[in-house]
Each structure stands twice: as structure tokens, then as C-alpha cells.
Amino acid sequence: MPTPNTASPDTVRAMDLGLFFDFLAVRLNSDKAEGKHIKLNFDFTDIEQQYAVEMVHGVLNHTEGRQFDEADATVSLSRETLDAFMLQQITLEEAMENGDVKISGEQGALSEMMSCLDDFEFWFNIVTP
């Protein structure tokens, strides 16, 4: 599973969850996501925020304060765990083993969605010769 791009710790901690899901949507590779339909509920237990995230028709949409009745999976974690994952201080597998991330429903749904994300190099040529 690809790891998230790194950013400064201050940037990651200041990013609100809506912006985080927008960041994921920018990284979605529509060719990899083609024909896939995944519905995930995210429950941030420490800050009592919930998001419904849907990957369909090659795009990733999110809605704050909503949960799907028939989600493929529900991912429960703290904001601190999300920040550690974004800063590459912990892997998803390690967080699940530690009990910091709990997934109910289809265990592979989150991994499948993450497999449709592209990683971008921080430094890239704006103009090529």
C-alpha cells in the first residue's frame, strides 16, 4: 500500500479533515479506480467527527457529519493516529496491530482504495527541455 506524501509536522497537524480528504482526492488515479465503487465511513473517535468517503466513477468524494448505512467498512481512529500515518511515523498495519486503527466490515476496502492513489515526487520539473 502506498504511503502518504510527507509534509511538515506543523502542516499535517493544522490540516483540517476536509482538506485531508481533498488531498486524497487529488491523488486518486482515475484509471486505477475505474469500475470500482467503495464506500467507507471514517470515525475520528477523539474529536467526535465522522466522514463518509465514496470512490465511484473514478473520483473520491467525502461528506462531513455523514455515515453510510451500507458502507463497505468503517475505519475508527484518532486524529493523532492519522497525523502519525501522514508523517510516516507508523504504517497502517502497525496501527491496526496496536489497536490504534479499527476496521469493521470488509477489511480490504481501505487497502483497495489506497491502492488507487498516486504518490507524487516533491521535486518535479515544471518545464522540461
N, C-alpha and C. Protein backbone atom coordinates (compact mmCIF):
# COMPACT_ATOMS: atom_id res chain seq x y z
N MET A 1 0.85 -1.17 0.00
CA MET A 1 0.00 0.00 0.00
C MET A 1 0.89 1.23 0.00
N PRO A 2 0.59 2.22 -0.86
CA PRO A 2 1.43 3.41 -0.87
C PRO A 2 1.30 4.19 0.41
N THR A 3 2.39 4.79 0.81
CA THR A 3 2.35 5.65 1.99
C THR A 3 2.04 7.07 1.56
N PRO A 4 1.48 7.85 2.44
CA PRO A 4 1.15 9.23 2.07
C PRO A 4 2.40 10.06 1.85
N ASN A 5 2.25 11.09 1.06
CA ASN A 5 3.36 12.02 0.87
C ASN A 5 3.64 12.73 2.18
N THR A 6 4.90 13.06 2.39
CA THR A 6 5.24 13.73 3.64
C THR A 6 5.06 15.23 3.52
N ALA A 7 4.78 15.83 4.60
CA ALA A 7 4.69 17.29 4.72
C ALA A 7 5.26 17.62 6.09
N SER A 8 5.42 18.89 6.36
CA SER A 8 5.97 19.25 7.67
C SER A 8 4.96 18.86 8.75
N PRO A 9 5.46 18.52 9.94
CA PRO A 9 4.55 18.15 11.02
C PRO A 9 3.52 19.25 11.34
N ASP A 10 3.95 20.51 11.30
CA ASP A 10 3.01 21.60 11.59
C ASP A 10 1.91 21.66 10.54
N THR A 11 2.25 21.44 9.27
CA THR A 11 1.26 21.47 8.20
C THR A 11 0.25 20.34 8.38
N VAL A 12 0.75 19.15 8.67
CA VAL A 12 -0.13 18.00 8.85
C VAL A 12 -1.08 18.22 10.01
N ARG A 13 -0.57 18.68 11.13
CA ARG A 13 -1.42 18.87 12.31
C ARG A 13 -2.43 20.00 12.14
N ALA A 14 -2.09 20.98 11.30
CA ALA A 14 -3.00 22.12 11.08
C ALA A 14 -4.06 21.82 10.01
N MET A 15 -3.86 20.79 9.21
CA MET A 15 -4.77 20.46 8.13
C MET A 15 -6.08 19.92 8.70
N ASP A 16 -7.20 20.57 8.35
CA ASP A 16 -8.47 20.03 8.83
C ASP A 16 -8.81 18.77 8.02
N LEU A 17 -9.75 17.99 8.52
CA LEU A 17 -10.05 16.70 7.90
C LEU A 17 -10.63 16.84 6.50
N GLY A 18 -11.40 17.87 6.26
CA GLY A 18 -11.93 18.10 4.92
C GLY A 18 -10.81 18.30 3.92
N LEU A 19 -9.79 19.06 4.32
CA LEU A 19 -8.63 19.27 3.46
C LEU A 19 -7.84 17.98 3.26
N PHE A 20 -7.76 17.17 4.30
CA PHE A 20 -7.08 15.88 4.18
C PHE A 20 -7.77 15.01 3.12
N PHE A 21 -9.10 14.93 3.15
CA PHE A 21 -9.80 14.12 2.17
C PHE A 21 -9.73 14.74 0.77
N ASP A 22 -9.67 16.06 0.69
CA ASP A 22 -9.42 16.71 -0.61
C ASP A 22 -8.05 16.31 -1.14
N PHE A 23 -7.06 16.25 -0.27
CA PHE A 23 -5.71 15.85 -0.62
C PHE A 23 -5.71 14.43 -1.19
N LEU A 24 -6.47 13.53 -0.56
CA LEU A 24 -6.57 12.17 -1.09
C LEU A 24 -7.23 12.15 -2.46
N ALA A 25 -8.26 12.98 -2.63
CA ALA A 25 -8.98 13.02 -3.91
C ALA A 25 -8.06 13.48 -5.04
N VAL A 26 -7.15 14.41 -4.76
CA VAL A 26 -6.21 14.88 -5.78
C VAL A 26 -5.28 13.75 -6.18
N ARG A 27 -4.94 12.89 -5.26
CA ARG A 27 -4.01 11.79 -5.52
C ARG A 27 -4.67 10.59 -6.19
N LEU A 28 -6.00 10.59 -6.32
CA LEU A 28 -6.69 9.44 -6.90
C LEU A 28 -6.37 9.31 -8.38
N ASN A 29 -5.92 8.13 -8.77
CA ASN A 29 -5.65 7.81 -10.16
C ASN A 29 -6.94 7.23 -10.74
N SER A 30 -7.61 8.00 -11.58
CA SER A 30 -8.92 7.60 -12.09
C SER A 30 -8.85 6.31 -12.91
N ASP A 31 -7.72 6.06 -13.57
CA ASP A 31 -7.58 4.81 -14.32
C ASP A 31 -7.55 3.60 -13.38
N LYS A 32 -6.83 3.72 -12.28
CA LYS A 32 -6.79 2.62 -11.30
C LYS A 32 -8.15 2.44 -10.61
N ALA A 33 -8.89 3.53 -10.43
CA ALA A 33 -10.17 3.49 -9.73
C ALA A 33 -11.34 3.11 -10.64
N GLU A 34 -11.10 3.07 -11.94
CA GLU A 34 -12.17 2.81 -12.89
C GLU A 34 -12.88 1.49 -12.58
N GLY A 35 -14.19 1.58 -12.53
CA GLY A 35 -15.03 0.41 -12.28
C GLY A 35 -15.14 0.00 -10.83
N LYS A 36 -14.46 0.69 -9.94
CA LYS A 36 -14.52 0.36 -8.51
C LYS A 36 -15.48 1.29 -7.80
N HIS A 37 -16.23 0.74 -6.87
CA HIS A 37 -17.14 1.53 -6.06
C HIS A 37 -16.94 1.11 -4.61
N ILE A 38 -16.37 2.01 -3.82
CA ILE A 38 -16.07 1.73 -2.42
C ILE A 38 -16.67 2.82 -1.56
N LYS A 39 -17.36 2.40 -0.51
CA LYS A 39 -17.92 3.33 0.48
C LYS A 39 -17.29 3.05 1.83
N LEU A 40 -16.67 4.08 2.40
CA LEU A 40 -16.04 3.95 3.71
C LEU A 40 -16.59 5.00 4.66
N ASN A 41 -16.80 4.58 5.89
CA ASN A 41 -17.11 5.50 6.97
C ASN A 41 -15.84 5.70 7.78
N PHE A 42 -15.53 6.95 8.10
CA PHE A 42 -14.41 7.26 8.97
C PHE A 42 -14.97 7.86 10.25
N ASP A 43 -14.54 7.32 11.38
CA ASP A 43 -14.97 7.79 12.69
C ASP A 43 -13.73 8.20 13.47
N PHE A 44 -13.56 9.51 13.67
CA PHE A 44 -12.43 10.03 14.44
C PHE A 44 -12.87 10.14 15.89
N THR A 45 -12.46 9.16 16.67
CA THR A 45 -13.01 8.93 18.00
C THR A 45 -12.66 10.02 19.01
N ASP A 46 -11.50 10.64 18.88
CA ASP A 46 -11.08 11.62 19.87
C ASP A 46 -11.69 13.00 19.65
N ILE A 47 -12.03 13.32 18.42
CA ILE A 47 -12.57 14.65 18.12
C ILE A 47 -14.05 14.58 17.70
N GLU A 48 -14.60 13.37 17.78
CA GLU A 48 -16.02 13.13 17.51
C GLU A 48 -16.47 13.70 16.17
N GLN A 49 -15.68 13.41 15.14
CA GLN A 49 -16.05 13.79 13.77
C GLN A 49 -16.18 12.53 12.94
N GLN A 50 -17.14 12.58 12.02
CA GLN A 50 -17.37 11.45 11.13
C GLN A 50 -17.40 11.93 9.68
N TYR A 51 -16.93 11.06 8.79
CA TYR A 51 -16.94 11.35 7.36
C TYR A 51 -17.40 10.12 6.60
N ALA A 52 -18.15 10.34 5.55
CA ALA A 52 -18.48 9.30 4.58
C ALA A 52 -17.63 9.58 3.35
N VAL A 53 -16.89 8.58 2.90
CA VAL A 53 -15.98 8.73 1.77
C VAL A 53 -16.37 7.69 0.73
N GLU A 54 -16.60 8.18 -0.50
CA GLU A 54 -17.04 7.28 -1.56
C GLU A 54 -16.15 7.45 -2.79
N MET A 55 -15.64 6.31 -3.28
CA MET A 55 -14.89 6.29 -4.52
C MET A 55 -15.79 5.64 -5.57
N VAL A 56 -16.18 6.44 -6.57
CA VAL A 56 -17.08 5.95 -7.62
C VAL A 56 -16.84 6.77 -8.88
N HIS A 57 -16.95 6.15 -10.04
CA HIS A 57 -16.75 6.82 -11.33
C HIS A 57 -15.40 7.52 -11.41
N GLY A 58 -14.40 6.94 -10.77
CA GLY A 58 -13.05 7.49 -10.86
C GLY A 58 -12.81 8.75 -10.07
N VAL A 59 -13.68 9.08 -9.13
CA VAL A 59 -13.49 10.25 -8.27
C VAL A 59 -13.69 9.85 -6.81
N LEU A 60 -13.16 10.67 -5.92
CA LEU A 60 -13.28 10.44 -4.49
C LEU A 60 -14.02 11.61 -3.87
N ASN A 61 -15.15 11.33 -3.25
CA ASN A 61 -15.97 12.36 -2.61
C ASN A 61 -16.06 12.08 -1.12
N HIS A 62 -16.19 13.14 -0.34
CA HIS A 62 -16.35 12.98 1.10
C HIS A 62 -17.41 13.95 1.61
N THR A 63 -18.08 13.53 2.69
CA THR A 63 -19.09 14.37 3.31
C THR A 63 -18.89 14.32 4.82
N GLU A 64 -18.72 15.47 5.41
CA GLU A 64 -18.55 15.56 6.86
C GLU A 64 -19.89 15.35 7.55
N GLY A 65 -19.85 14.69 8.70
CA GLY A 65 -21.04 14.51 9.51
C GLY A 65 -22.02 13.49 8.98
N ARG A 66 -21.56 12.64 8.07
CA ARG A 66 -22.44 11.64 7.48
C ARG A 66 -21.78 10.27 7.57
N GLN A 67 -22.58 9.24 7.68
CA GLN A 67 -22.12 7.86 7.63
C GLN A 67 -23.04 7.08 6.69
N PHE A 68 -22.47 6.19 5.90
CA PHE A 68 -23.26 5.35 5.01
C PHE A 68 -23.95 4.26 5.83
N ASP A 69 -25.20 3.98 5.49
CA ASP A 69 -25.90 2.87 6.14
C ASP A 69 -25.29 1.53 5.72
N GLU A 70 -24.87 1.44 4.46
CA GLU A 70 -24.30 0.20 3.93
C GLU A 70 -22.88 0.44 3.43
N ALA A 71 -22.00 0.82 4.33
CA ALA A 71 -20.59 1.05 3.97
C ALA A 71 -19.88 -0.29 3.80
N ASP A 72 -18.86 -0.29 2.95
CA ASP A 72 -18.03 -1.48 2.82
C ASP A 72 -17.25 -1.72 4.11
N ALA A 73 -16.83 -0.63 4.76
CA ALA A 73 -16.09 -0.74 6.02
C ALA A 73 -16.20 0.56 6.78
N THR A 74 -15.99 0.47 8.08
CA THR A 74 -15.90 1.64 8.94
C THR A 74 -14.52 1.65 9.58
N VAL A 75 -13.84 2.78 9.43
CA VAL A 75 -12.48 2.93 9.96
C VAL A 75 -12.56 3.85 11.17
N SER A 76 -12.16 3.35 12.33
CA SER A 76 -12.17 4.14 13.56
C SER A 76 -10.73 4.40 13.99
N LEU A 77 -10.42 5.67 14.21
CA LEU A 77 -9.07 6.05 14.62
C LEU A 77 -9.12 7.44 15.24
N SER A 78 -8.01 7.82 15.86
CA SER A 78 -7.90 9.16 16.41
C SER A 78 -7.23 10.07 15.39
N ARG A 79 -7.38 11.36 15.59
CA ARG A 79 -6.69 12.32 14.72
C ARG A 79 -5.18 12.18 14.89
N GLU A 80 -4.74 11.91 16.10
CA GLU A 80 -3.31 11.73 16.37
C GLU A 80 -2.75 10.56 15.55
N THR A 81 -3.51 9.48 15.43
CA THR A 81 -3.07 8.33 14.63
C THR A 81 -3.00 8.70 13.16
N LEU A 82 -3.99 9.45 12.67
CA LEU A 82 -3.97 9.90 11.28
C LEU A 82 -2.73 10.76 11.02
N ASP A 83 -2.43 11.68 11.94
CA ASP A 83 -1.25 12.53 11.79
C ASP A 83 0.03 11.69 11.75
N ALA A 84 0.14 10.69 12.62
CA ALA A 84 1.32 9.83 12.64
C ALA A 84 1.45 9.06 11.33
N PHE A 85 0.33 8.62 10.78
CA PHE A 85 0.34 7.93 9.50
C PHE A 85 0.78 8.87 8.38
N MET A 86 0.23 10.08 8.38
CA MET A 86 0.59 11.06 7.35
C MET A 86 2.06 11.43 7.42
N LEU A 87 2.62 11.47 8.62
CA LEU A 87 4.03 11.82 8.81
C LEU A 87 4.94 10.60 8.68
N GLN A 88 4.36 9.48 8.29
CA GLN A 88 5.08 8.23 8.09
C GLN A 88 5.80 7.77 9.35
N GLN A 89 5.20 8.04 10.50
CA GLN A 89 5.75 7.58 11.77
C GLN A 89 5.23 6.20 12.12
N ILE A 90 4.16 5.78 11.43
CA ILE A 90 3.54 4.48 11.66
C ILE A 90 2.88 4.03 10.36
N THR A 91 2.86 2.73 10.13
CA THR A 91 2.16 2.20 8.96
C THR A 91 0.75 1.82 9.37
N LEU A 92 -0.11 1.66 8.39
CA LEU A 92 -1.48 1.23 8.66
C LEU A 92 -1.47 -0.12 9.37
N GLU A 93 -0.63 -1.02 8.93
CA GLU A 93 -0.56 -2.34 9.53
C GLU A 93 -0.15 -2.26 11.01
N GLU A 94 0.86 -1.42 11.30
CA GLU A 94 1.29 -1.25 12.69
C GLU A 94 0.17 -0.64 13.54
N ALA A 95 -0.53 0.34 12.99
CA ALA A 95 -1.62 0.98 13.73
C ALA A 95 -2.74 -0.01 14.02
N MET A 96 -3.01 -0.90 13.07
CA MET A 96 -4.04 -1.91 13.29
C MET A 96 -3.59 -2.92 14.34
N GLU A 97 -2.33 -3.34 14.28
CA GLU A 97 -1.80 -4.28 15.27
C GLU A 97 -1.84 -3.69 16.67
N ASN A 98 -1.54 -2.39 16.79
CA ASN A 98 -1.55 -1.70 18.09
C ASN A 98 -2.95 -1.40 18.59
N GLY A 99 -3.95 -1.55 17.74
CA GLY A 99 -5.32 -1.22 18.11
C GLY A 99 -5.64 0.25 17.94
N ASP A 100 -4.72 1.01 17.32
CA ASP A 100 -4.97 2.44 17.10
C ASP A 100 -5.92 2.68 15.94
N VAL A 101 -6.02 1.71 15.04
CA VAL A 101 -6.98 1.76 13.93
C VAL A 101 -7.80 0.49 13.98
N LYS A 102 -9.11 0.66 13.95
CA LYS A 102 -10.02 -0.49 13.92
C LYS A 102 -10.86 -0.40 12.67
N ILE A 103 -10.95 -1.52 11.95
CA ILE A 103 -11.74 -1.57 10.73
C ILE A 103 -12.80 -2.64 10.91
N SER A 104 -14.06 -2.22 10.82
CA SER A 104 -15.16 -3.18 10.85
C SER A 104 -15.74 -3.27 9.44
N GLY A 105 -16.19 -4.45 9.09
CA GLY A 105 -16.70 -4.67 7.74
C GLY A 105 -15.61 -5.31 6.90
N GLU A 106 -15.60 -4.99 5.62
CA GLU A 106 -14.66 -5.58 4.68
C GLU A 106 -13.26 -5.01 4.94
N GLN A 107 -12.38 -5.83 5.47
CA GLN A 107 -11.04 -5.39 5.87
C GLN A 107 -10.23 -4.83 4.71
N GLY A 108 -10.40 -5.35 3.51
CA GLY A 108 -9.59 -4.94 2.37
C GLY A 108 -10.08 -3.69 1.66
N ALA A 109 -11.22 -3.14 2.05
CA ALA A 109 -11.79 -1.98 1.33
C ALA A 109 -10.87 -0.76 1.43
N LEU A 110 -10.33 -0.48 2.60
CA LEU A 110 -9.43 0.67 2.76
C LEU A 110 -8.16 0.46 1.94
N SER A 111 -7.59 -0.72 2.00
CA SER A 111 -6.38 -1.01 1.22
C SER A 111 -6.65 -0.89 -0.27
N GLU A 112 -7.80 -1.34 -0.72
CA GLU A 112 -8.14 -1.23 -2.14
C GLU A 112 -8.24 0.23 -2.56
N MET A 113 -8.87 1.06 -1.72
CA MET A 113 -8.96 2.48 -2.04
C MET A 113 -7.57 3.11 -2.07
N MET A 114 -6.75 2.78 -1.08
CA MET A 114 -5.40 3.34 -1.01
C MET A 114 -4.55 2.90 -2.21
N SER A 115 -4.83 1.72 -2.76
CA SER A 115 -4.05 1.25 -3.91
C SER A 115 -4.35 2.06 -5.17
N CYS A 116 -5.40 2.85 -5.15
CA CYS A 116 -5.76 3.68 -6.31
C CYS A 116 -5.16 5.08 -6.22
N LEU A 117 -4.37 5.34 -5.18
CA LEU A 117 -3.76 6.65 -5.01
C LEU A 117 -2.37 6.67 -5.62
N ASP A 118 -2.03 7.79 -6.25
CA ASP A 118 -0.69 8.00 -6.79
C ASP A 118 0.17 8.72 -5.75
N ASP A 119 1.45 8.43 -5.79
CA ASP A 119 2.43 9.17 -4.99
C ASP A 119 3.12 10.14 -5.93
N PHE A 120 3.27 11.37 -5.49
CA PHE A 120 3.92 12.39 -6.30
C PHE A 120 5.27 12.72 -5.70
N GLU A 121 6.24 12.92 -6.56
CA GLU A 121 7.55 13.37 -6.10
C GLU A 121 7.42 14.83 -5.68
N PHE A 122 8.08 15.18 -4.58
CA PHE A 122 8.02 16.56 -4.11
C PHE A 122 8.66 17.50 -5.13
N TRP A 123 9.83 17.13 -5.63
CA TRP A 123 10.52 17.94 -6.62
C TRP A 123 10.24 17.35 -7.99
N PHE A 124 9.72 18.15 -8.87
CA PHE A 124 9.44 17.69 -10.23
C PHE A 124 9.71 18.84 -11.19
N ASN A 125 9.97 18.50 -12.44
CA ASN A 125 10.25 19.51 -13.45
C ASN A 125 8.95 20.20 -13.86
N ILE A 126 8.93 21.51 -13.76
CA ILE A 126 7.79 22.27 -14.23
C ILE A 126 7.89 22.41 -15.75
N VAL A 127 9.09 22.66 -16.22
CA VAL A 127 9.36 22.76 -17.64
C VAL A 127 10.45 21.76 -17.96
N THR A 128 10.23 20.96 -18.96
CA THR A 128 11.26 20.01 -19.37
C THR A 128 11.92 20.49 -20.66
N PRO A 129 13.20 20.17 -20.81
CA PRO A 129 13.90 20.63 -22.01
C PRO A 129 13.37 20.02 -23.29
